[in-house]
Amino acid sequence: MSGASLAHNKILVNLIGEIRTALKGKACQILPSDMRVTVPSGEAYMYPDAVIVCGKPELTDDRFDTLMNPVVIFEILSPSTADHDRKKKFFFYRQIPSFREYVLIDSKQIFVEISRRVGDDRWQFDASTDPEGNLLIHSIQSRLSLEELYRNIF
């Protein structure tokens, strides 16, 4: 998203820093918001705030910037994007076979939601508002500290 708020950008920097550290020694990497993601049908393209890809990134044949195999997708919510991120984007992201976890981070208050694929078409939801809490990201076997995620935001 072009023109994001200061809080949005600070959360994104904190997120990438925390996840990058958690991924050291693992066959996964975090990529920022310029990495476009597509669904298998090619009918939709989205620009999430960040993605984790494990193993070799699979890109569409004719594009060098369109990822087909994200494992974890992060969206930082604002009042103007929250509904779109929760509904339409999640609908499309669920079509991606490699996609396992969807993390929504509120930019106006301490609130993080995570949706996890627990079956072919079943999802489990969890959320935290505890500033001293952690959110487990199963795909990378790591905990995301909400205190670090929201450092210097509020």
N, C-alpha and C. Protein backbone atom coordinates (compact mmCIF):
# COMPACT_ATOMS: atom_id res chain seq x y z
N MET A 1 0.84 -1.18 0.00
CA MET A 1 0.00 0.00 0.00
C MET A 1 0.88 1.23 0.00
N SER A 2 0.67 2.10 -0.91
CA SER A 2 1.42 3.34 -1.00
C SER A 2 0.87 4.36 -0.01
N GLY A 3 1.76 5.13 0.61
CA GLY A 3 1.31 6.19 1.50
C GLY A 3 0.81 5.72 2.85
N ALA A 4 1.37 4.67 3.40
CA ALA A 4 0.94 4.14 4.69
C ALA A 4 1.32 5.10 5.82
N SER A 5 0.61 4.98 6.94
CA SER A 5 0.84 5.85 8.10
C SER A 5 2.19 5.56 8.76
N LEU A 6 2.61 6.47 9.62
CA LEU A 6 3.86 6.29 10.36
C LEU A 6 3.77 5.03 11.23
N ALA A 7 2.65 4.84 11.91
CA ALA A 7 2.49 3.64 12.75
C ALA A 7 2.60 2.38 11.91
N HIS A 8 1.96 2.36 10.75
CA HIS A 8 2.02 1.21 9.84
C HIS A 8 3.47 0.90 9.48
N ASN A 9 4.21 1.91 9.08
CA ASN A 9 5.60 1.70 8.67
C ASN A 9 6.49 1.25 9.82
N LYS A 10 6.26 1.80 11.01
CA LYS A 10 7.06 1.39 12.16
C LYS A 10 6.77 -0.07 12.54
N ILE A 11 5.50 -0.45 12.49
CA ILE A 11 5.13 -1.84 12.77
C ILE A 11 5.77 -2.76 11.74
N LEU A 12 5.75 -2.38 10.48
CA LEU A 12 6.35 -3.20 9.43
C LEU A 12 7.85 -3.39 9.66
N VAL A 13 8.55 -2.33 10.01
CA VAL A 13 9.99 -2.44 10.28
C VAL A 13 10.23 -3.36 11.48
N ASN A 14 9.43 -3.19 12.54
CA ASN A 14 9.57 -4.05 13.72
C ASN A 14 9.30 -5.51 13.36
N LEU A 15 8.25 -5.73 12.59
CA LEU A 15 7.89 -7.09 12.17
C LEU A 15 9.01 -7.75 11.39
N ILE A 16 9.51 -7.06 10.38
CA ILE A 16 10.56 -7.64 9.54
C ILE A 16 11.81 -7.92 10.37
N GLY A 17 12.14 -7.02 11.28
CA GLY A 17 13.30 -7.25 12.14
C GLY A 17 13.14 -8.47 13.03
N GLU A 18 11.98 -8.60 13.66
CA GLU A 18 11.71 -9.74 14.54
C GLU A 18 11.69 -11.05 13.77
N ILE A 19 11.02 -11.06 12.64
CA ILE A 19 10.90 -12.30 11.87
C ILE A 19 12.25 -12.68 11.27
N ARG A 20 12.98 -11.71 10.77
CA ARG A 20 14.30 -11.99 10.18
C ARG A 20 15.20 -12.68 11.21
N THR A 21 15.17 -12.19 12.43
CA THR A 21 15.96 -12.80 13.50
C THR A 21 15.48 -14.23 13.77
N ALA A 22 14.16 -14.42 13.80
CA ALA A 22 13.60 -15.75 14.07
C ALA A 22 13.92 -16.75 12.96
N LEU A 23 14.17 -16.26 11.75
CA LEU A 23 14.40 -17.15 10.61
C LEU A 23 15.86 -17.55 10.43
N LYS A 24 16.76 -16.98 11.22
CA LYS A 24 18.18 -17.33 11.07
C LYS A 24 18.36 -18.83 11.23
N GLY A 25 19.05 -19.42 10.26
CA GLY A 25 19.31 -20.85 10.28
C GLY A 25 18.16 -21.70 9.74
N LYS A 26 17.09 -21.07 9.29
CA LYS A 26 15.95 -21.80 8.73
C LYS A 26 15.91 -21.56 7.23
N ALA A 27 15.25 -22.45 6.52
CA ALA A 27 15.17 -22.35 5.05
C ALA A 27 13.99 -21.48 4.63
N CYS A 28 13.76 -20.41 5.37
CA CYS A 28 12.66 -19.49 5.08
C CYS A 28 13.20 -18.07 5.06
N GLN A 29 12.46 -17.19 4.40
CA GLN A 29 12.84 -15.78 4.37
C GLN A 29 11.59 -14.92 4.40
N ILE A 30 11.77 -13.70 4.92
CA ILE A 30 10.66 -12.75 4.92
C ILE A 30 10.90 -11.74 3.81
N LEU A 31 9.83 -11.41 3.11
CA LEU A 31 9.90 -10.46 2.00
C LEU A 31 8.92 -9.33 2.27
N PRO A 32 9.30 -8.09 1.93
CA PRO A 32 8.44 -6.93 2.23
C PRO A 32 7.33 -6.71 1.20
N SER A 33 6.65 -5.61 1.36
CA SER A 33 5.41 -5.32 0.64
C SER A 33 5.52 -5.14 -0.86
N ASP A 34 6.70 -5.05 -1.42
CA ASP A 34 6.81 -4.97 -2.87
C ASP A 34 6.73 -6.34 -3.54
N MET A 35 6.62 -7.40 -2.75
CA MET A 35 6.51 -8.75 -3.31
C MET A 35 5.04 -9.04 -3.58
N ARG A 36 4.70 -9.12 -4.83
CA ARG A 36 3.31 -9.40 -5.23
C ARG A 36 3.03 -10.89 -5.07
N VAL A 37 1.81 -11.23 -4.69
CA VAL A 37 1.38 -12.62 -4.49
C VAL A 37 0.20 -12.88 -5.42
N THR A 38 0.17 -14.08 -6.00
CA THR A 38 -0.96 -14.46 -6.85
C THR A 38 -1.58 -15.77 -6.37
N VAL A 39 -2.79 -16.00 -6.81
CA VAL A 39 -3.48 -17.26 -6.53
C VAL A 39 -3.28 -18.19 -7.72
N PRO A 40 -3.46 -19.51 -7.54
CA PRO A 40 -3.19 -20.46 -8.64
C PRO A 40 -3.94 -20.15 -9.94
N SER A 41 -5.15 -19.66 -9.84
CA SER A 41 -5.91 -19.36 -11.06
C SER A 41 -5.39 -18.13 -11.79
N GLY A 42 -4.59 -17.31 -11.11
CA GLY A 42 -4.10 -16.08 -11.70
C GLY A 42 -5.14 -14.98 -11.78
N GLU A 43 -6.31 -15.21 -11.15
CA GLU A 43 -7.39 -14.23 -11.24
C GLU A 43 -7.22 -13.06 -10.27
N ALA A 44 -6.29 -13.17 -9.32
CA ALA A 44 -6.09 -12.10 -8.35
C ALA A 44 -4.62 -11.95 -8.02
N TYR A 45 -4.22 -10.70 -7.82
CA TYR A 45 -2.87 -10.35 -7.41
C TYR A 45 -3.00 -9.40 -6.22
N MET A 46 -2.22 -9.64 -5.18
CA MET A 46 -2.26 -8.79 -4.01
C MET A 46 -0.83 -8.43 -3.59
N TYR A 47 -0.73 -7.33 -2.87
CA TYR A 47 0.53 -6.90 -2.30
C TYR A 47 0.38 -6.91 -0.77
N PRO A 48 0.68 -8.04 -0.13
CA PRO A 48 0.61 -8.06 1.33
C PRO A 48 1.73 -7.20 1.92
N ASP A 49 1.61 -6.86 3.20
CA ASP A 49 2.64 -6.05 3.84
C ASP A 49 3.95 -6.82 3.99
N ALA A 50 3.87 -8.11 4.20
CA ALA A 50 5.06 -8.96 4.25
C ALA A 50 4.62 -10.41 4.08
N VAL A 51 5.54 -11.23 3.59
CA VAL A 51 5.27 -12.66 3.43
C VAL A 51 6.49 -13.45 3.88
N ILE A 52 6.23 -14.65 4.34
CA ILE A 52 7.31 -15.60 4.59
C ILE A 52 7.18 -16.68 3.54
N VAL A 53 8.28 -16.99 2.91
CA VAL A 53 8.33 -18.10 1.96
C VAL A 53 9.40 -19.06 2.46
N CYS A 54 9.10 -20.35 2.40
CA CYS A 54 10.05 -21.37 2.84
C CYS A 54 10.47 -22.19 1.63
N GLY A 55 11.74 -22.57 1.60
CA GLY A 55 12.26 -23.26 0.43
C GLY A 55 12.48 -22.25 -0.69
N LYS A 56 12.47 -22.74 -1.90
CA LYS A 56 12.73 -21.88 -3.06
C LYS A 56 11.46 -21.08 -3.42
N PRO A 57 11.58 -19.76 -3.53
CA PRO A 57 10.43 -18.97 -3.97
C PRO A 57 10.01 -19.39 -5.38
N GLU A 58 8.72 -19.63 -5.55
CA GLU A 58 8.18 -19.97 -6.87
C GLU A 58 7.54 -18.71 -7.44
N LEU A 59 8.02 -18.29 -8.60
CA LEU A 59 7.51 -17.08 -9.24
C LEU A 59 6.79 -17.45 -10.52
N THR A 60 5.84 -16.62 -10.92
CA THR A 60 5.14 -16.89 -12.17
C THR A 60 6.13 -16.82 -13.32
N ASP A 61 5.85 -17.55 -14.40
CA ASP A 61 6.78 -17.67 -15.52
C ASP A 61 7.20 -16.35 -16.13
N ASP A 62 6.26 -15.46 -16.33
CA ASP A 62 6.57 -14.24 -17.06
C ASP A 62 6.83 -13.04 -16.17
N ARG A 63 6.84 -13.22 -14.87
CA ARG A 63 7.06 -12.11 -13.95
C ARG A 63 8.12 -12.50 -12.93
N PHE A 64 8.96 -11.56 -12.59
CA PHE A 64 10.00 -11.82 -11.60
C PHE A 64 9.55 -11.37 -10.22
N ASP A 65 8.39 -10.75 -10.13
CA ASP A 65 7.97 -10.16 -8.86
C ASP A 65 6.66 -10.73 -8.31
N THR A 66 6.24 -11.88 -8.81
CA THR A 66 4.96 -12.43 -8.39
C THR A 66 5.14 -13.80 -7.77
N LEU A 67 4.98 -13.87 -6.47
CA LEU A 67 5.21 -15.08 -5.68
C LEU A 67 3.97 -15.96 -5.68
N MET A 68 4.19 -17.26 -5.84
CA MET A 68 3.09 -18.22 -5.86
C MET A 68 3.04 -19.10 -4.61
N ASN A 69 4.10 -19.11 -3.78
CA ASN A 69 4.14 -20.06 -2.66
C ASN A 69 4.42 -19.44 -1.28
N PRO A 70 3.68 -18.40 -0.91
CA PRO A 70 3.87 -17.88 0.45
C PRO A 70 3.36 -18.88 1.48
N VAL A 71 3.99 -18.90 2.64
CA VAL A 71 3.57 -19.77 3.73
C VAL A 71 2.82 -18.96 4.79
N VAL A 72 3.36 -17.79 5.11
CA VAL A 72 2.74 -16.88 6.07
C VAL A 72 2.57 -15.53 5.40
N ILE A 73 1.42 -14.92 5.58
CA ILE A 73 1.15 -13.60 5.02
C ILE A 73 0.78 -12.67 6.17
N PHE A 74 1.36 -11.47 6.15
CA PHE A 74 1.10 -10.45 7.16
C PHE A 74 0.42 -9.25 6.52
N GLU A 75 -0.61 -8.76 7.17
CA GLU A 75 -1.26 -7.52 6.78
C GLU A 75 -1.34 -6.63 8.00
N ILE A 76 -0.97 -5.37 7.84
CA ILE A 76 -1.08 -4.38 8.90
C ILE A 76 -2.35 -3.59 8.61
N LEU A 77 -3.28 -3.65 9.55
CA LEU A 77 -4.61 -3.08 9.34
C LEU A 77 -4.68 -1.61 9.68
N SER A 78 -5.42 -0.90 8.86
CA SER A 78 -5.81 0.47 9.15
C SER A 78 -7.33 0.50 9.04
N PRO A 79 -7.97 1.54 9.54
CA PRO A 79 -9.44 1.60 9.42
C PRO A 79 -9.92 1.47 7.97
N SER A 80 -9.15 1.96 7.01
CA SER A 80 -9.59 1.93 5.62
C SER A 80 -9.31 0.59 4.92
N THR A 81 -8.43 -0.25 5.48
CA THR A 81 -8.09 -1.52 4.81
C THR A 81 -8.57 -2.76 5.55
N ALA A 82 -8.95 -2.63 6.81
CA ALA A 82 -9.24 -3.80 7.65
C ALA A 82 -10.29 -4.72 7.04
N ASP A 83 -11.39 -4.18 6.59
CA ASP A 83 -12.46 -5.00 6.04
C ASP A 83 -11.99 -5.75 4.79
N HIS A 84 -11.30 -5.07 3.91
CA HIS A 84 -10.79 -5.67 2.67
C HIS A 84 -9.78 -6.79 2.98
N ASP A 85 -8.88 -6.54 3.94
CA ASP A 85 -7.87 -7.53 4.30
C ASP A 85 -8.51 -8.77 4.93
N ARG A 86 -9.50 -8.57 5.79
CA ARG A 86 -10.15 -9.69 6.48
C ARG A 86 -11.02 -10.54 5.56
N LYS A 87 -11.62 -9.92 4.59
CA LYS A 87 -12.59 -10.64 3.76
C LYS A 87 -12.04 -10.99 2.38
N LYS A 88 -11.93 -10.01 1.52
CA LYS A 88 -11.59 -10.31 0.12
C LYS A 88 -10.19 -10.89 -0.02
N LYS A 89 -9.20 -10.26 0.62
CA LYS A 89 -7.84 -10.79 0.50
C LYS A 89 -7.74 -12.19 1.09
N PHE A 90 -8.34 -12.40 2.26
CA PHE A 90 -8.27 -13.72 2.89
C PHE A 90 -8.94 -14.77 2.02
N PHE A 91 -10.04 -14.41 1.38
CA PHE A 91 -10.71 -15.34 0.46
C PHE A 91 -9.74 -15.80 -0.63
N PHE A 92 -9.01 -14.87 -1.22
CA PHE A 92 -8.07 -15.24 -2.28
C PHE A 92 -6.85 -15.96 -1.72
N TYR A 93 -6.29 -15.49 -0.62
CA TYR A 93 -5.10 -16.13 -0.06
C TYR A 93 -5.37 -17.61 0.27
N ARG A 94 -6.56 -17.93 0.73
CA ARG A 94 -6.88 -19.32 1.10
C ARG A 94 -6.81 -20.27 -0.09
N GLN A 95 -6.80 -19.76 -1.30
CA GLN A 95 -6.71 -20.59 -2.50
C GLN A 95 -5.27 -21.05 -2.79
N ILE A 96 -4.30 -20.48 -2.10
CA ILE A 96 -2.89 -20.79 -2.33
C ILE A 96 -2.53 -22.04 -1.52
N PRO A 97 -2.13 -23.13 -2.16
CA PRO A 97 -1.86 -24.39 -1.44
C PRO A 97 -0.80 -24.28 -0.35
N SER A 98 0.23 -23.48 -0.54
CA SER A 98 1.32 -23.38 0.44
C SER A 98 0.95 -22.52 1.65
N PHE A 99 -0.07 -21.71 1.54
CA PHE A 99 -0.47 -20.74 2.55
C PHE A 99 -0.96 -21.43 3.81
N ARG A 100 -0.34 -21.12 4.96
CA ARG A 100 -0.66 -21.78 6.22
C ARG A 100 -1.14 -20.84 7.32
N GLU A 101 -0.63 -19.60 7.32
CA GLU A 101 -0.99 -18.69 8.42
C GLU A 101 -1.15 -17.26 7.91
N TYR A 102 -2.16 -16.59 8.45
CA TYR A 102 -2.48 -15.22 8.08
C TYR A 102 -2.46 -14.39 9.35
N VAL A 103 -1.57 -13.41 9.40
CA VAL A 103 -1.40 -12.59 10.59
C VAL A 103 -1.87 -11.17 10.28
N LEU A 104 -2.86 -10.71 11.05
CA LEU A 104 -3.41 -9.37 10.90
C LEU A 104 -2.99 -8.55 12.12
N ILE A 105 -2.35 -7.43 11.86
CA ILE A 105 -1.80 -6.59 12.92
C ILE A 105 -2.49 -5.23 12.86
N ASP A 106 -3.18 -4.87 13.93
CA ASP A 106 -3.88 -3.60 13.99
C ASP A 106 -2.87 -2.47 14.20
N SER A 107 -3.01 -1.39 13.47
CA SER A 107 -2.07 -0.27 13.60
C SER A 107 -2.57 0.81 14.56
N LYS A 108 -3.80 0.68 15.05
CA LYS A 108 -4.38 1.70 15.92
C LYS A 108 -4.43 1.28 17.39
N GLN A 109 -4.27 -0.01 17.64
CA GLN A 109 -4.30 -0.54 19.00
C GLN A 109 -3.53 -1.86 19.03
N ILE A 110 -3.16 -2.31 20.22
CA ILE A 110 -2.47 -3.59 20.33
C ILE A 110 -3.49 -4.70 20.15
N PHE A 111 -3.47 -5.28 18.97
CA PHE A 111 -4.40 -6.35 18.64
C PHE A 111 -3.83 -7.09 17.43
N VAL A 112 -3.53 -8.37 17.63
CA VAL A 112 -2.99 -9.20 16.56
C VAL A 112 -3.84 -10.45 16.46
N GLU A 113 -4.26 -10.76 15.24
CA GLU A 113 -5.04 -11.97 14.96
C GLU A 113 -4.21 -12.89 14.09
N ILE A 114 -4.37 -14.19 14.31
CA ILE A 114 -3.72 -15.15 13.43
C ILE A 114 -4.73 -16.22 13.05
N SER A 115 -4.76 -16.54 11.78
CA SER A 115 -5.60 -17.62 11.25
C SER A 115 -4.66 -18.70 10.77
N ARG A 116 -4.91 -19.94 11.20
CA ARG A 116 -4.06 -21.07 10.84
C ARG A 116 -4.86 -22.12 10.09
N ARG A 117 -4.28 -22.62 9.02
CA ARG A 117 -4.90 -23.74 8.30
C ARG A 117 -4.69 -25.00 9.14
N VAL A 118 -5.78 -25.69 9.48
CA VAL A 118 -5.68 -26.91 10.29
C VAL A 118 -6.21 -28.12 9.54
N GLY A 119 -6.60 -27.94 8.33
CA GLY A 119 -7.10 -29.02 7.49
C GLY A 119 -7.16 -28.49 6.07
N ASP A 120 -7.72 -29.28 5.19
CA ASP A 120 -7.80 -28.84 3.81
C ASP A 120 -8.54 -27.52 3.67
N ASP A 121 -9.64 -27.38 4.38
CA ASP A 121 -10.41 -26.15 4.26
C ASP A 121 -10.91 -25.68 5.62
N ARG A 122 -10.15 -26.02 6.68
CA ARG A 122 -10.52 -25.60 8.03
C ARG A 122 -9.48 -24.64 8.55
N TRP A 123 -9.94 -23.61 9.26
CA TRP A 123 -9.06 -22.60 9.80
C TRP A 123 -9.34 -22.41 11.28
N GLN A 124 -8.27 -22.20 12.03
CA GLN A 124 -8.35 -21.93 13.46
C GLN A 124 -7.91 -20.49 13.67
N PHE A 125 -8.61 -19.79 14.56
CA PHE A 125 -8.33 -18.37 14.77
C PHE A 125 -7.88 -18.13 16.21
N ASP A 126 -6.94 -17.22 16.36
CA ASP A 126 -6.42 -16.85 17.68
C ASP A 126 -6.13 -15.35 17.63
N ALA A 127 -6.17 -14.71 18.79
CA ALA A 127 -5.89 -13.27 18.85
C ALA A 127 -5.26 -12.94 20.19
N SER A 128 -4.56 -11.81 20.22
CA SER A 128 -3.96 -11.34 21.46
C SER A 128 -4.00 -9.82 21.53
N THR A 129 -4.30 -9.33 22.73
CA THR A 129 -4.25 -7.89 23.00
C THR A 129 -3.28 -7.59 24.14
N ASP A 130 -2.61 -8.61 24.61
CA ASP A 130 -1.69 -8.49 25.74
C ASP A 130 -0.36 -7.93 25.25
N PRO A 131 -0.01 -6.70 25.66
CA PRO A 131 1.26 -6.11 25.18
C PRO A 131 2.49 -6.91 25.59
N GLU A 132 2.35 -7.74 26.61
CA GLU A 132 3.48 -8.57 27.04
C GLU A 132 3.36 -10.00 26.50
N GLY A 133 2.38 -10.22 25.65
CA GLY A 133 2.14 -11.55 25.13
C GLY A 133 2.96 -11.88 23.90
N ASN A 134 2.82 -13.11 23.47
CA ASN A 134 3.49 -13.62 22.28
C ASN A 134 2.46 -14.30 21.40
N LEU A 135 2.73 -14.33 20.14
CA LEU A 135 1.87 -15.03 19.20
C LEU A 135 2.72 -16.09 18.51
N LEU A 136 2.31 -17.33 18.60
CA LEU A 136 3.06 -18.42 18.01
C LEU A 136 2.78 -18.50 16.51
N ILE A 137 3.84 -18.50 15.73
CA ILE A 137 3.72 -18.72 14.29
C ILE A 137 4.23 -20.14 14.05
N HIS A 138 3.29 -21.06 13.88
CA HIS A 138 3.61 -22.49 13.78
C HIS A 138 4.53 -22.79 12.60
N SER A 139 4.29 -22.16 11.47
CA SER A 139 5.03 -22.47 10.24
C SER A 139 6.54 -22.33 10.39
N ILE A 140 6.95 -21.40 11.24
CA ILE A 140 8.39 -21.18 11.43
C ILE A 140 8.82 -21.53 12.86
N GLN A 141 7.90 -22.11 13.63
CA GLN A 141 8.16 -22.51 15.02
C GLN A 141 8.82 -21.37 15.79
N SER A 142 8.12 -20.24 15.81
CA SER A 142 8.66 -19.06 16.47
C SER A 142 7.55 -18.26 17.12
N ARG A 143 7.92 -17.52 18.14
CA ARG A 143 6.97 -16.65 18.83
C ARG A 143 7.25 -15.20 18.44
N LEU A 144 6.18 -14.48 18.19
CA LEU A 144 6.26 -13.08 17.84
C LEU A 144 5.88 -12.28 19.08
N SER A 145 6.80 -11.49 19.59
CA SER A 145 6.57 -10.68 20.78
C SER A 145 5.75 -9.44 20.41
N LEU A 146 4.60 -9.28 21.04
CA LEU A 146 3.79 -8.11 20.77
C LEU A 146 4.48 -6.84 21.27
N GLU A 147 5.24 -6.95 22.35
CA GLU A 147 5.98 -5.80 22.85
C GLU A 147 6.97 -5.30 21.80
N GLU A 148 7.68 -6.21 21.14
CA GLU A 148 8.64 -5.82 20.10
C GLU A 148 7.92 -5.37 18.83
N LEU A 149 6.83 -6.02 18.51
CA LEU A 149 6.08 -5.65 17.32
C LEU A 149 5.56 -4.21 17.41
N TYR A 150 5.11 -3.82 18.60
CA TYR A 150 4.56 -2.49 18.79
C TYR A 150 5.54 -1.52 19.45
N ARG A 151 6.82 -1.86 19.45
CA ARG A 151 7.82 -0.99 20.06
C ARG A 151 7.79 0.40 19.44
N ASN A 152 7.73 1.41 20.30
CA ASN A 152 7.73 2.83 19.90
C ASN A 152 6.53 3.24 19.04
N ILE A 153 5.42 2.54 19.20
CA ILE A 153 4.22 2.89 18.44
C ILE A 153 3.25 3.72 19.30
N PHE A 154 2.94 3.24 20.51
CA PHE A 154 1.95 3.94 21.36
C PHE A 154 2.63 4.52 22.58
